[in-house]
Amino acid sequence: MGDAWKQLRELGPVLALIYIPTVVGLGLLVVVNLVADDVPLRLFFIDPVSEFSAPMYVGLVSNFGVVLWGSAASVCLFGAWLLRQKPDARPQAMFLAASGLISALLMFDDLYLLHEEVFPERLHIPQPLVLTAYGVLLVVNFVRFRRMVLESDFALLLLASGFFAASVAVDLFVTPEEFFLFDDFSGRHLVEDGLKLLGIVGWTAYFWRLSTQTVRSSV
């Protein structure tokens, strides 16, 4: 038990770093609940599938996509952290850090429906403008670090980008009423979200390979 207390004292800065923001975040939820009477506190904590008695497979594909985004973000940021003190690997660390933050942004976008609901309905920013901003952010990142991209297995990245572009095109220009694969079977979700999932899979595979190869070559 004494060893445990000793470790806790030594880990003081780490504990502060991970727990203080968490407690502050929980406190902010209480503030939101007090300010907005129509937002019960419990809604922030419940599991939607359990609360609304939905089948466990509701959102299966969407949730898997969020897990993949998080995986890509984690491996990029961890790789950047490992490379941070190597002067000759500074550009690679910056590319991984930037790509990890972008992956995290896209994860939160999927998780909290940012471009579908939050931006257009709450902040009155049109969805096409939000998607364009995401596209510009991606282009700037890859142009800024183009040398590293060209030295990597960029075919995976190009393939993923093609799937993303096709998914966005379906989202913006095709209405559900126009999208029938056969008879009365609407293929909107299958095509749009299926293309998006293929893009996320390619994106995650690319950055896992890139992070692994970059860290190995710098050790």
C-alpha atoms as a PDB file:
ATOM      1  CA  MET A   1       0.000   0.000   0.000  1.00  0.00           C
ATOM      2  CA  GLY A   2       2.904   2.318   0.759  1.00  0.00           C
ATOM      3  CA  ASP A   3       4.277   1.812  -2.738  1.00  0.00           C
ATOM      4  CA  ALA A   4       0.917   2.786  -4.192  1.00  0.00           C
ATOM      5  CA  TRP A   5       0.854   6.063  -2.238  1.00  0.00           C
ATOM      6  CA  LYS A   6       4.430   6.772  -3.292  1.00  0.00           C
ATOM      7  CA  GLN A   7       3.509   6.254  -6.918  1.00  0.00           C
ATOM      8  CA  LEU A   8       0.477   8.523  -6.568  1.00  0.00           C
ATOM      9  CA  ARG A   9       2.674  11.302  -5.175  1.00  0.00           C
ATOM     10  CA  GLU A  10       5.158  10.870  -8.010  1.00  0.00           C
ATOM     11  CA  LEU A  11       2.345  10.849 -10.542  1.00  0.00           C
ATOM     12  CA  GLY A  12       0.894  14.113  -9.215  1.00  0.00           C
ATOM     13  CA  PRO A  13       1.429  16.125 -12.447  1.00  0.00           C
ATOM     14  CA  VAL A  14       0.002  13.301 -14.562  1.00  0.00           C
ATOM     15  CA  LEU A  15      -3.030  12.931 -12.315  1.00  0.00           C
ATOM     16  CA  ALA A  16      -3.638  16.671 -12.467  1.00  0.00           C
ATOM     17  CA  LEU A  17      -3.358  16.624 -16.250  1.00  0.00           C
ATOM     18  CA  ILE A  18      -5.895  13.859 -16.748  1.00  0.00           C
ATOM     19  CA  TYR A  19      -8.350  14.424 -13.900  1.00  0.00           C
ATOM     20  CA  ILE A  20      -8.642  18.204 -13.567  1.00  0.00           C
ATOM     21  CA  PRO A  21      -9.945  18.690 -17.157  1.00  0.00           C
ATOM     22  CA  THR A  22     -12.343  15.778 -16.637  1.00  0.00           C
ATOM     23  CA  VAL A  23     -13.771  17.239 -13.428  1.00  0.00           C
ATOM     24  CA  VAL A  24     -13.987  20.695 -15.038  1.00  0.00           C
ATOM     25  CA  GLY A  25     -15.878  19.155 -17.943  1.00  0.00           C
ATOM     26  CA  LEU A  26     -18.360  17.496 -15.597  1.00  0.00           C
ATOM     27  CA  GLY A  27     -18.803  20.814 -13.831  1.00  0.00           C
ATOM     28  CA  LEU A  28     -19.576  22.524 -17.130  1.00  0.00           C
ATOM     29  CA  LEU A  29     -22.324  19.978 -17.766  1.00  0.00           C
ATOM     30  CA  VAL A  30     -23.889  20.953 -14.451  1.00  0.00           C
ATOM     31  CA  VAL A  31     -23.714  24.620 -15.480  1.00  0.00           C
ATOM     32  CA  VAL A  32     -25.399  23.815 -18.797  1.00  0.00           C
ATOM     33  CA  ASN A  33     -28.124  21.970 -16.923  1.00  0.00           C
ATOM     34  CA  LEU A  34     -28.696  24.943 -14.606  1.00  0.00           C
ATOM     35  CA  VAL A  35     -28.768  27.474 -17.455  1.00  0.00           C
ATOM     36  CA  ALA A  36     -30.836  25.418 -19.904  1.00  0.00           C
ATOM     37  CA  ASP A  37     -33.910  24.160 -18.085  1.00  0.00           C
ATOM     38  CA  ASP A  38     -34.897  21.937 -21.016  1.00  0.00           C
ATOM     39  CA  VAL A  39     -31.651  19.922 -20.896  1.00  0.00           C
ATOM     40  CA  PRO A  40     -31.837  17.333 -18.074  1.00  0.00           C
ATOM     41  CA  LEU A  41     -28.437  16.441 -16.644  1.00  0.00           C
ATOM     42  CA  ARG A  42     -29.043  12.724 -17.070  1.00  0.00           C
ATOM     43  CA  LEU A  43     -29.164  13.090 -20.856  1.00  0.00           C
ATOM     44  CA  PHE A  44     -25.418  13.708 -20.874  1.00  0.00           C
ATOM     45  CA  PHE A  45     -24.716  10.340 -19.273  1.00  0.00           C
ATOM     46  CA  ILE A  46     -27.232   7.831 -20.571  1.00  0.00           C
ATOM     47  CA  ASP A  47     -26.595   5.294 -23.308  1.00  0.00           C
ATOM     48  CA  PRO A  48     -28.968   6.141 -26.199  1.00  0.00           C
ATOM     49  CA  VAL A  49     -29.535   2.528 -27.271  1.00  0.00           C
ATOM     50  CA  SER A  50     -30.460   1.476 -23.745  1.00  0.00           C
ATOM     51  CA  GLU A  51     -32.499   4.618 -22.997  1.00  0.00           C
ATOM     52  CA  PHE A  52     -34.665   4.356 -26.091  1.00  0.00           C
ATOM     53  CA  SER A  53     -34.864   0.552 -26.069  1.00  0.00           C
ATOM     54  CA  ALA A  54     -33.310   0.367 -29.514  1.00  0.00           C
ATOM     55  CA  PRO A  55     -31.666  -2.796 -30.853  1.00  0.00           C
ATOM     56  CA  MET A  56     -27.987  -3.058 -29.971  1.00  0.00           C
ATOM     57  CA  TYR A  57     -27.009  -2.869 -33.658  1.00  0.00           C
ATOM     58  CA  VAL A  58     -28.452   0.637 -34.141  1.00  0.00           C
ATOM     59  CA  GLY A  59     -25.641   2.851 -35.394  1.00  0.00           C
ATOM     60  CA  LEU A  60     -23.306  -0.111 -35.843  1.00  0.00           C
ATOM     61  CA  VAL A  61     -21.566   1.236 -38.952  1.00  0.00           C
ATOM     62  CA  SER A  62     -21.439   4.815 -37.653  1.00  0.00           C
ATOM     63  CA  ASN A  63     -19.985   3.709 -34.315  1.00  0.00           C
ATOM     64  CA  PHE A  64     -17.378   1.564 -36.053  1.00  0.00           C
ATOM     65  CA  GLY A  65     -16.366   4.586 -38.115  1.00  0.00           C
ATOM     66  CA  VAL A  66     -15.935   6.658 -34.943  1.00  0.00           C
ATOM     67  CA  VAL A  67     -13.722   3.917 -33.463  1.00  0.00           C
ATOM     68  CA  LEU A  68     -11.564   3.957 -36.605  1.00  0.00           C
ATOM     69  CA  TRP A  69     -11.257   7.772 -36.543  1.00  0.00           C
ATOM     70  CA  GLY A  70     -10.176   7.533 -32.904  1.00  0.00           C
ATOM     71  CA  SER A  71      -7.671   4.823 -33.764  1.00  0.00           C
ATOM     72  CA  ALA A  72      -6.145   6.974 -36.518  1.00  0.00           C
ATOM     73  CA  ALA A  73      -5.990  10.009 -34.240  1.00  0.00           C
ATOM     74  CA  SER A  74      -4.367   8.018 -31.426  1.00  0.00           C
ATOM     75  CA  VAL A  75      -1.674   6.392 -33.532  1.00  0.00           C
ATOM     76  CA  CYS A  76      -0.787   9.715 -35.206  1.00  0.00           C
ATOM     77  CA  LEU A  77      -0.566  11.652 -31.954  1.00  0.00           C
ATOM     78  CA  PHE A  78       1.360   8.875 -30.220  1.00  0.00           C
ATOM     79  CA  GLY A  79       3.793   8.695 -33.125  1.00  0.00           C
ATOM     80  CA  ALA A  80       4.251  12.471 -33.022  1.00  0.00           C
ATOM     81  CA  TRP A  81       4.901  12.258 -29.264  1.00  0.00           C
ATOM     82  CA  LEU A  82       7.586   9.613 -29.743  1.00  0.00           C
ATOM     83  CA  LEU A  83       9.291  11.680 -32.440  1.00  0.00           C
ATOM     84  CA  ARG A  84       9.034  15.040 -30.677  1.00  0.00           C
ATOM     85  CA  GLN A  85      12.609  15.066 -29.324  1.00  0.00           C
ATOM     86  CA  LYS A  86      14.327  13.902 -32.509  1.00  0.00           C
ATOM     87  CA  PRO A  87      15.473  16.991 -34.462  1.00  0.00           C
ATOM     88  CA  ASP A  88      15.828  15.082 -37.728  1.00  0.00           C
ATOM     89  CA  ALA A  89      12.248  13.800 -37.433  1.00  0.00           C
ATOM     90  CA  ARG A  90      10.616  17.137 -36.630  1.00  0.00           C
ATOM     91  CA  PRO A  91       8.729  17.435 -39.987  1.00  0.00           C
ATOM     92  CA  GLN A  92       7.373  13.895 -39.600  1.00  0.00           C
ATOM     93  CA  ALA A  93       6.292  14.640 -36.043  1.00  0.00           C
ATOM     94  CA  MET A  94       4.498  17.797 -37.183  1.00  0.00           C
ATOM     95  CA  PHE A  95       2.724  15.945 -39.996  1.00  0.00           C
ATOM     96  CA  LEU A  96       1.579  13.181 -37.658  1.00  0.00           C
ATOM     97  CA  ALA A  97       0.440  15.712 -35.049  1.00  0.00           C
ATOM     98  CA  ALA A  98      -1.541  17.741 -37.591  1.00  0.00           C
ATOM     99  CA  SER A  99      -3.085  14.613 -39.111  1.00  0.00           C
ATOM    100  CA  GLY A 100      -3.923  13.287 -35.648  1.00  0.00           C
ATOM    101  CA  LEU A 101      -5.753  16.496 -34.759  1.00  0.00           C
ATOM    102  CA  ILE A 102      -7.651  16.404 -38.059  1.00  0.00           C
ATOM    103  CA  SER A 103      -8.600  12.775 -37.413  1.00  0.00           C
ATOM    104  CA  ALA A 104      -9.836  13.759 -33.948  1.00  0.00           C
ATOM    105  CA  LEU A 105     -11.884  16.605 -35.455  1.00  0.00           C
ATOM    106  CA  LEU A 106     -13.492  14.221 -37.947  1.00  0.00           C
ATOM    107  CA  MET A 107     -14.142  11.742 -35.145  1.00  0.00           C
ATOM    108  CA  PHE A 108     -15.983  14.381 -33.116  1.00  0.00           C
ATOM    109  CA  ASP A 109     -17.829  15.466 -36.255  1.00  0.00           C
ATOM    110  CA  ASP A 110     -19.158  11.934 -36.723  1.00  0.00           C
ATOM    111  CA  LEU A 111     -19.798  11.380 -33.030  1.00  0.00           C
ATOM    112  CA  TYR A 112     -21.724  14.594 -32.393  1.00  0.00           C
ATOM    113  CA  LEU A 113     -23.141  15.232 -35.892  1.00  0.00           C
ATOM    114  CA  LEU A 114     -21.301  18.542 -36.223  1.00  0.00           C
ATOM    115  CA  HIS A 115     -21.683  19.125 -39.966  1.00  0.00           C
ATOM    116  CA  GLU A 116     -25.151  17.562 -40.082  1.00  0.00           C
ATOM    117  CA  GLU A 117     -26.849  19.261 -37.144  1.00  0.00           C
ATOM    118  CA  VAL A 118     -24.671  21.399 -34.865  1.00  0.00           C
ATOM    119  CA  PHE A 119     -23.236  23.775 -37.481  1.00  0.00           C
ATOM    120  CA  PRO A 120     -26.294  24.135 -39.776  1.00  0.00           C
ATOM    121  CA  GLU A 121     -29.065  24.028 -37.157  1.00  0.00           C
ATOM    122  CA  ARG A 122     -27.448  25.514 -34.049  1.00  0.00           C
ATOM    123  CA  LEU A 123     -24.848  27.873 -35.491  1.00  0.00           C
ATOM    124  CA  HIS A 124     -26.581  28.523 -38.839  1.00  0.00           C
ATOM    125  CA  ILE A 125     -23.498  27.632 -40.884  1.00  0.00           C
ATOM    126  CA  PRO A 126     -24.566  25.814 -44.075  1.00  0.00           C
ATOM    127  CA  GLN A 127     -23.514  22.208 -44.341  1.00  0.00           C
ATOM    128  CA  PRO A 128     -21.783  22.656 -47.752  1.00  0.00           C
ATOM    129  CA  LEU A 129     -19.653  25.433 -46.238  1.00  0.00           C
ATOM    130  CA  VAL A 130     -18.609  23.196 -43.345  1.00  0.00           C
ATOM    131  CA  LEU A 131     -17.702  20.331 -45.691  1.00  0.00           C
ATOM    132  CA  THR A 132     -15.749  22.755 -47.880  1.00  0.00           C
ATOM    133  CA  ALA A 133     -13.834  23.981 -44.831  1.00  0.00           C
ATOM    134  CA  TYR A 134     -12.964  20.384 -43.939  1.00  0.00           C
ATOM    135  CA  GLY A 135     -11.789  19.794 -47.506  1.00  0.00           C
ATOM    136  CA  VAL A 136      -9.611  22.916 -47.462  1.00  0.00           C
ATOM    137  CA  LEU A 137      -8.115  21.844 -44.137  1.00  0.00           C
ATOM    138  CA  LEU A 138      -7.198  18.459 -45.583  1.00  0.00           C
ATOM    139  CA  VAL A 139      -5.693  19.945 -48.732  1.00  0.00           C
ATOM    140  CA  VAL A 140      -3.626  22.468 -46.762  1.00  0.00           C
ATOM    141  CA  ASN A 141      -2.315  19.711 -44.503  1.00  0.00           C
ATOM    142  CA  PHE A 142      -1.278  17.435 -47.355  1.00  0.00           C
ATOM    143  CA  VAL A 143       0.193  20.248 -49.453  1.00  0.00           C
ATOM    144  CA  ARG A 144       2.138  21.558 -46.458  1.00  0.00           C
ATOM    145  CA  PHE A 145       3.652  18.112 -45.877  1.00  0.00           C
ATOM    146  CA  ARG A 146       3.620  16.953 -49.493  1.00  0.00           C
ATOM    147  CA  ARG A 147       7.190  15.647 -49.413  1.00  0.00           C
ATOM    148  CA  MET A 148       6.341  13.201 -46.629  1.00  0.00           C
ATOM    149  CA  VAL A 149       3.116  12.208 -48.365  1.00  0.00           C
ATOM    150  CA  LEU A 150       4.939  11.479 -51.631  1.00  0.00           C
ATOM    151  CA  GLU A 151       7.514   9.388 -49.765  1.00  0.00           C
ATOM    152  CA  SER A 152       4.794   7.296 -48.133  1.00  0.00           C
ATOM    153  CA  ASP A 153       2.253   4.738 -49.381  1.00  0.00           C
ATOM    154  CA  PHE A 154       0.105   7.586 -50.652  1.00  0.00           C
ATOM    155  CA  ALA A 155      -1.975   5.343 -52.933  1.00  0.00           C
ATOM    156  CA  LEU A 156      -3.946   4.358 -49.819  1.00  0.00           C
ATOM    157  CA  LEU A 157      -4.560   8.024 -49.083  1.00  0.00           C
ATOM    158  CA  LEU A 158      -5.691   8.722 -52.651  1.00  0.00           C
ATOM    159  CA  LEU A 159      -8.063   5.765 -52.523  1.00  0.00           C
ATOM    160  CA  ALA A 160      -9.515   6.926 -49.218  1.00  0.00           C
ATOM    161  CA  SER A 161      -9.920  10.470 -50.582  1.00  0.00           C
ATOM    162  CA  GLY A 162     -11.815   9.121 -53.581  1.00  0.00           C
ATOM    163  CA  PHE A 163     -14.241   7.254 -51.331  1.00  0.00           C
ATOM    164  CA  PHE A 164     -14.759  10.365 -49.184  1.00  0.00           C
ATOM    165  CA  ALA A 165     -15.404  12.542 -52.242  1.00  0.00           C
ATOM    166  CA  ALA A 166     -17.947  10.075 -53.622  1.00  0.00           C
ATOM    167  CA  SER A 167     -19.728   9.884 -50.253  1.00  0.00           C
ATOM    168  CA  VAL A 168     -19.924  13.689 -49.975  1.00  0.00           C
ATOM    169  CA  ALA A 169     -21.267  13.908 -53.541  1.00  0.00           C
ATOM    170  CA  VAL A 170     -24.076  11.493 -52.684  1.00  0.00           C
ATOM    171  CA  ASP A 171     -24.801  13.410 -49.472  1.00  0.00           C
ATOM    172  CA  LEU A 172     -25.020  16.794 -51.210  1.00  0.00           C
ATOM    173  CA  PHE A 173     -26.564  16.009 -54.565  1.00  0.00           C
ATOM    174  CA  VAL A 174     -28.721  12.897 -54.250  1.00  0.00           C
ATOM    175  CA  THR A 175     -32.018  12.815 -52.369  1.00  0.00           C
ATOM    176  CA  PRO A 176     -33.286   9.606 -50.737  1.00  0.00           C
ATOM    177  CA  GLU A 177     -36.249   9.575 -53.126  1.00  0.00           C
ATOM    178  CA  GLU A 178     -33.886   9.357 -56.098  1.00  0.00           C
ATOM    179  CA  PHE A 179     -31.718   6.570 -54.770  1.00  0.00           C
ATOM    180  CA  PHE A 180     -33.171   3.110 -55.293  1.00  0.00           C
ATOM    181  CA  LEU A 181     -30.910   0.193 -56.075  1.00  0.00           C
ATOM    182  CA  PHE A 182     -33.772  -2.092 -57.065  1.00  0.00           C
ATOM    183  CA  ASP A 183     -37.552  -2.122 -56.664  1.00  0.00           C
ATOM    184  CA  ASP A 184     -38.351  -0.232 -53.429  1.00  0.00           C
ATOM    185  CA  PHE A 185     -34.992  -0.806 -51.757  1.00  0.00           C
ATOM    186  CA  SER A 186     -33.444   2.565 -50.940  1.00  0.00           C
ATOM    187  CA  GLY A 187     -29.666   2.332 -51.115  1.00  0.00           C
ATOM    188  CA  ARG A 188     -28.894   5.832 -49.856  1.00  0.00           C
ATOM    189  CA  HIS A 189     -27.339   4.779 -46.555  1.00  0.00           C
ATOM    190  CA  LEU A 190     -25.664   1.735 -48.039  1.00  0.00           C
ATOM    191  CA  VAL A 191     -23.950   3.782 -50.747  1.00  0.00           C
ATOM    192  CA  GLU A 192     -23.275   7.076 -48.932  1.00  0.00           C
ATOM    193  CA  ASP A 193     -22.238   5.642 -45.582  1.00  0.00           C
ATOM    194  CA  GLY A 194     -20.630   2.591 -47.148  1.00  0.00           C
ATOM    195  CA  LEU A 195     -18.366   4.805 -49.252  1.00  0.00           C
ATOM    196  CA  LYS A 196     -17.577   6.880 -46.180  1.00  0.00           C
ATOM    197  CA  LEU A 197     -16.657   3.771 -44.174  1.00  0.00           C
ATOM    198  CA  LEU A 198     -14.352   2.604 -46.970  1.00  0.00           C
ATOM    199  CA  GLY A 199     -12.702   6.022 -46.842  1.00  0.00           C
ATOM    200  CA  ILE A 200     -12.223   5.857 -43.075  1.00  0.00           C
ATOM    201  CA  VAL A 201     -10.773   2.348 -43.338  1.00  0.00           C
ATOM    202  CA  GLY A 202      -8.249   3.523 -45.940  1.00  0.00           C
ATOM    203  CA  TRP A 203      -7.411   6.662 -43.936  1.00  0.00           C
ATOM    204  CA  THR A 204      -6.799   4.652 -40.762  1.00  0.00           C
ATOM    205  CA  ALA A 205      -4.704   2.028 -42.550  1.00  0.00           C
ATOM    206  CA  TYR A 206      -2.595   4.742 -44.179  1.00  0.00           C
ATOM    207  CA  PHE A 207      -1.783   6.508 -40.926  1.00  0.00           C
ATOM    208  CA  TRP A 208      -1.151   3.269 -39.033  1.00  0.00           C
ATOM    209  CA  ARG A 209       1.401   2.293 -41.684  1.00  0.00           C
ATOM    210  CA  LEU A 210       2.898   5.769 -41.824  1.00  0.00           C
ATOM    211  CA  SER A 211       3.228   6.100 -38.046  1.00  0.00           C
ATOM    212  CA  THR A 212       4.731   2.642 -37.680  1.00  0.00           C
ATOM    213  CA  GLN A 213       7.218   3.111 -40.513  1.00  0.00           C
ATOM    214  CA  THR A 214       8.221   6.606 -39.394  1.00  0.00           C
ATOM    215  CA  VAL A 215       8.818   5.631 -35.770  1.00  0.00           C
ATOM    216  CA  ARG A 216      10.753   2.507 -36.740  1.00  0.00           C
ATOM    217  CA  SER A 217      13.026   4.429 -39.101  1.00  0.00           C
ATOM    218  CA  SER A 218      13.759   7.052 -36.435  1.00  0.00           C
ATOM    219  CA  VAL A 219      14.571   4.704 -33.565  1.00  0.00           C
END
